[in-house]
Protein backbone atom coordinates (compact mmCIF):
# COMPACT_ATOMS: atom_id res chain seq x y z
CA GLY A 1 98.16 74.87 88.92
CA TRP A 2 100.52 76.62 91.35
CA LEU A 3 103.82 78.50 91.04
CA TYR A 4 106.04 78.53 94.14
CA GLU A 5 108.69 81.12 94.98
CA PRO A 6 110.84 81.94 98.00
CA LYS A 7 109.40 84.69 100.21
CA TRP A 8 112.07 87.38 100.38
CA ASP A 9 112.90 89.45 103.45
CA GLY A 10 113.24 92.80 101.71
CA PHE A 11 111.30 95.80 100.44
CA ARG A 12 108.53 95.02 97.95
CA CYS A 13 109.18 97.26 94.97
CA ILE A 14 107.53 98.21 91.69
CA VAL A 15 110.04 99.13 88.96
CA VAL A 16 108.90 101.32 86.06
CA ARG A 17 111.24 101.91 83.12
CA THR A 18 110.21 104.71 80.77
CA GLY A 19 112.79 105.81 78.22
CA ASP A 20 116.05 106.40 80.08
CA THR A 21 114.30 106.76 83.44
CA VAL A 22 113.76 104.13 86.11
CA GLU A 23 111.43 104.74 89.04
CA LEU A 24 111.33 102.55 92.15
CA THR A 25 108.29 102.70 94.43
CA SER A 26 106.71 100.67 97.18
CA ARG A 27 103.34 99.04 96.54
CA ASN A 28 101.87 102.05 98.38
CA GLU A 29 103.68 104.31 95.88
CA ARG A 30 106.24 105.53 98.39
CA PRO A 31 109.38 106.53 96.47
CA PHE A 32 112.47 104.31 96.72
CA THR A 33 114.39 105.71 93.74
CA ARG A 34 116.69 108.06 95.67
CA TYR A 35 117.57 105.39 98.25
CA PHE A 36 118.86 102.79 95.77
CA PRO A 37 120.81 104.72 93.09
CA GLU A 38 123.04 101.69 92.40
CA LEU A 39 120.05 99.82 90.94
CA LEU A 40 118.98 102.46 88.42
CA GLY A 41 121.70 101.96 85.78
CA PRO A 42 121.54 98.15 85.76
CA LEU A 43 117.71 98.15 85.67
CA CYS A 44 117.70 100.67 82.81
CA ALA A 45 120.30 98.65 80.90
CA GLN A 46 118.55 95.29 81.36
CA LEU A 47 114.87 96.17 81.03
CA PRO A 48 113.05 97.19 77.87
CA ASP A 49 111.32 100.56 77.60
CA GLY A 50 107.74 100.53 78.88
CA CYS A 51 108.44 97.72 81.35
CA VAL A 52 106.86 97.43 84.80
CA LEU A 53 108.09 94.78 87.24
CA ASP A 54 107.02 93.67 90.69
CA GLY A 55 109.75 92.34 92.91
CA GLU A 56 111.82 92.82 96.02
CA ILE A 57 114.84 94.93 96.91
CA VAL A 58 117.20 92.92 99.10
CA ILE A 59 120.70 93.30 100.47
CA PRO A 60 122.91 90.20 100.51
CA ALA A 61 124.58 89.56 103.86
CA ALA A 62 128.27 90.43 104.10
CA ASP A 63 129.15 86.73 104.50
CA ASP A 64 127.09 85.80 101.39
CA ARG A 65 124.94 83.54 103.57
CA GLY A 66 121.49 85.01 103.21
CA LEU A 67 120.08 88.51 103.37
CA ASP A 68 120.66 91.45 105.68
CA PHE A 69 117.34 93.15 106.47
CA ASP A 70 118.93 95.44 109.07
CA ALA A 71 121.30 96.82 106.41
CA LEU A 72 118.29 97.32 104.13
CA LEU A 73 116.49 99.35 106.80
CA GLN A 74 119.55 101.59 107.11
CA ARG A 75 119.25 102.52 103.43
CA ILE A 76 116.16 104.69 104.02
CA HIS A 77 117.89 107.84 105.19
CA PRO A 78 117.27 111.55 104.51
CA ALA A 79 120.94 112.54 104.02
CA GLU A 80 122.07 112.23 100.39
CA SER A 81 125.71 111.72 101.44
CA ARG A 82 124.71 108.73 103.60
CA VAL A 83 122.54 107.30 100.81
CA GLN A 84 125.52 107.44 98.43
CA ARG A 85 127.92 105.94 100.99
CA LEU A 86 125.57 103.05 101.83
CA ALA A 87 124.88 102.41 98.14
CA ALA A 88 128.60 101.69 97.80
CA GLU A 89 129.06 99.85 101.12
CA THR A 90 125.86 97.75 101.15
CA PRO A 91 124.55 97.68 97.58
CA GLY A 92 121.06 96.39 96.99
CA SER A 93 119.82 93.82 94.52
CA PHE A 94 116.45 93.59 92.79
CA VAL A 95 114.69 90.22 92.53
CA ALA A 96 111.89 90.24 89.93
CA PHE A 97 108.92 87.94 90.40
CA ASP A 98 106.18 89.42 88.19
CA LEU A 99 105.87 91.35 84.94
CA LEU A 100 103.02 93.88 84.90
CA ALA A 101 103.70 95.61 81.59
CA VAL A 102 106.08 95.30 78.68
CA ALA A 103 106.55 97.74 75.79
CA GLY A 104 103.74 99.76 77.37
CA ARG A 105 101.31 96.81 77.13
CA ASP A 106 99.37 96.15 80.35
CA LEU A 107 99.72 92.50 81.35
CA MET A 108 97.92 92.65 84.70
CA HIS A 109 94.82 90.88 83.37
CA GLU A 110 96.87 88.10 81.78
CA PRO A 111 97.24 84.84 83.74
CA LEU A 112 100.39 84.46 85.84
CA SER A 113 101.54 81.64 83.54
CA ALA A 114 101.73 84.06 80.58
CA ARG A 115 103.30 86.90 82.59
CA HIS A 116 105.85 84.55 84.12
CA SER A 117 106.84 83.10 80.76
CA LEU A 118 107.48 86.60 79.39
CA LEU A 119 109.43 87.53 82.54
CA VAL A 120 111.64 84.44 82.26
CA ASP A 121 112.38 85.23 78.61
CA MET A 122 113.05 88.90 79.37
CA LEU A 123 115.46 88.18 82.25
CA ALA A 124 117.08 85.04 80.83
CA HIS A 125 120.42 86.86 80.67
CA ALA A 126 120.00 89.17 83.65
CA ALA A 127 123.15 90.12 85.50
CA ALA A 128 123.63 91.21 89.09
CA PRO A 129 122.22 93.22 90.75
CA VAL A 130 119.10 92.28 88.75
CA HIS A 131 117.82 88.76 89.34
CA LEU A 132 114.94 86.55 88.28
CA CYS A 133 113.24 85.04 91.33
CA PRO A 134 113.67 81.25 91.51
CA SER A 135 110.35 79.53 90.97
CA THR A 136 108.92 76.06 90.48
CA THR A 137 105.66 74.26 89.91
CA ASP A 138 106.98 71.30 91.91
CA ALA A 139 105.38 71.36 95.39
CA GLN A 140 108.01 68.96 96.76
CA LEU A 141 110.85 71.24 95.68
CA ALA A 142 109.02 74.22 97.24
CA ALA A 143 108.69 72.25 100.49
CA ARG A 144 112.44 71.60 100.39
CA TRP A 145 113.10 75.31 99.83
CA PHE A 146 110.93 76.06 102.86
CA VAL A 147 113.29 74.03 105.05
CA GLU A 148 116.61 74.81 103.33
CA PHE A 149 116.15 78.58 103.09
CA GLU A 150 115.14 79.14 106.72
CA GLY A 151 117.61 81.44 108.41
CA ALA A 152 119.03 82.64 105.10
CA GLY A 153 116.93 85.82 104.99
CA LEU A 154 113.95 84.13 103.39
CA ASP A 155 110.67 84.07 105.27
CA GLY A 156 109.12 81.00 103.69
CA VAL A 157 107.43 80.21 100.37
CA ILE A 158 104.79 82.00 98.31
CA ALA A 159 102.26 80.01 96.27
CA LYS A 160 100.44 81.68 93.37
CA ARG A 161 97.83 80.22 91.04
CA LEU A 162 99.11 80.08 87.47
CA ALA A 163 95.66 81.01 86.11
CA ASP A 164 95.30 84.19 88.22
CA PRO A 165 95.64 87.75 86.93
CA TYR A 166 97.72 90.26 88.89
CA THR A 167 95.57 91.52 91.74
CA PRO A 168 97.02 94.57 93.49
CA ASP A 169 95.72 95.16 97.00
CA LYS A 170 94.10 91.71 97.15
CA ARG A 171 95.49 88.64 98.89
CA THR A 172 95.19 85.94 96.22
CA MET A 173 98.51 84.26 96.92
CA VAL A 174 99.29 81.94 99.80
CA LYS A 175 102.18 82.83 102.10
CA VAL A 176 103.68 79.87 103.93
CA LYS A 177 105.88 81.33 106.64
CA HIS A 178 108.01 79.91 109.42
CA ARG A 179 106.63 80.13 112.95
CA ARG A 180 108.50 82.53 115.17
C-alpha cells in the first residue's frame, strides 16, 4: 500500500498551467517563476491546460553525477541579468511527483494511486527539462535506492500511502533520510 520515491535535494515547487501561462511557486506560495525562465516554455509545451503539479526544481551537477544544490541557491537573485545568465549557465529541471489538477478538475481528494496513474500517463513522453519522478511499490527496490543514491544529491526516500488524498500542510508521508 506504499509508493516510494527518491527524496530530491531541490526546491519544492507547485506548477500551474493556465492557457499559455505557467506559474511556479513554493508550497508557501513564494514566486519562483522569474527565477527559472528556462522551465516555462517546456512546461507549457508538455502540460495540458488547467494542470497543477507538485514536484521539485533541481539543478543537475556539472559532472552529471547528482544534483547541485549550491547552484540552485544561486538562482534566487534580484538582478534580472543574473537570472538570465544563470538560466543559461546552470539550467534547472522540474521533477513531477504528484498531480493536483488536470483540465481544471481538482484531484486533491483522489487517492494517490489514481493521481499517480494520471501523472504517469500525462508525462509518459516528457522530455528534459521536465521529468517524471522515479517511483516504485517495491520496498526492496526503494531500500536499494536509499543506498545507491546517497551522495548523488538525493536525501533519501519518501514513502506515501497509495490510498491517501493530497494533504497540503500535513505530514502524511514518511521521509527516510540519511544520518548526517
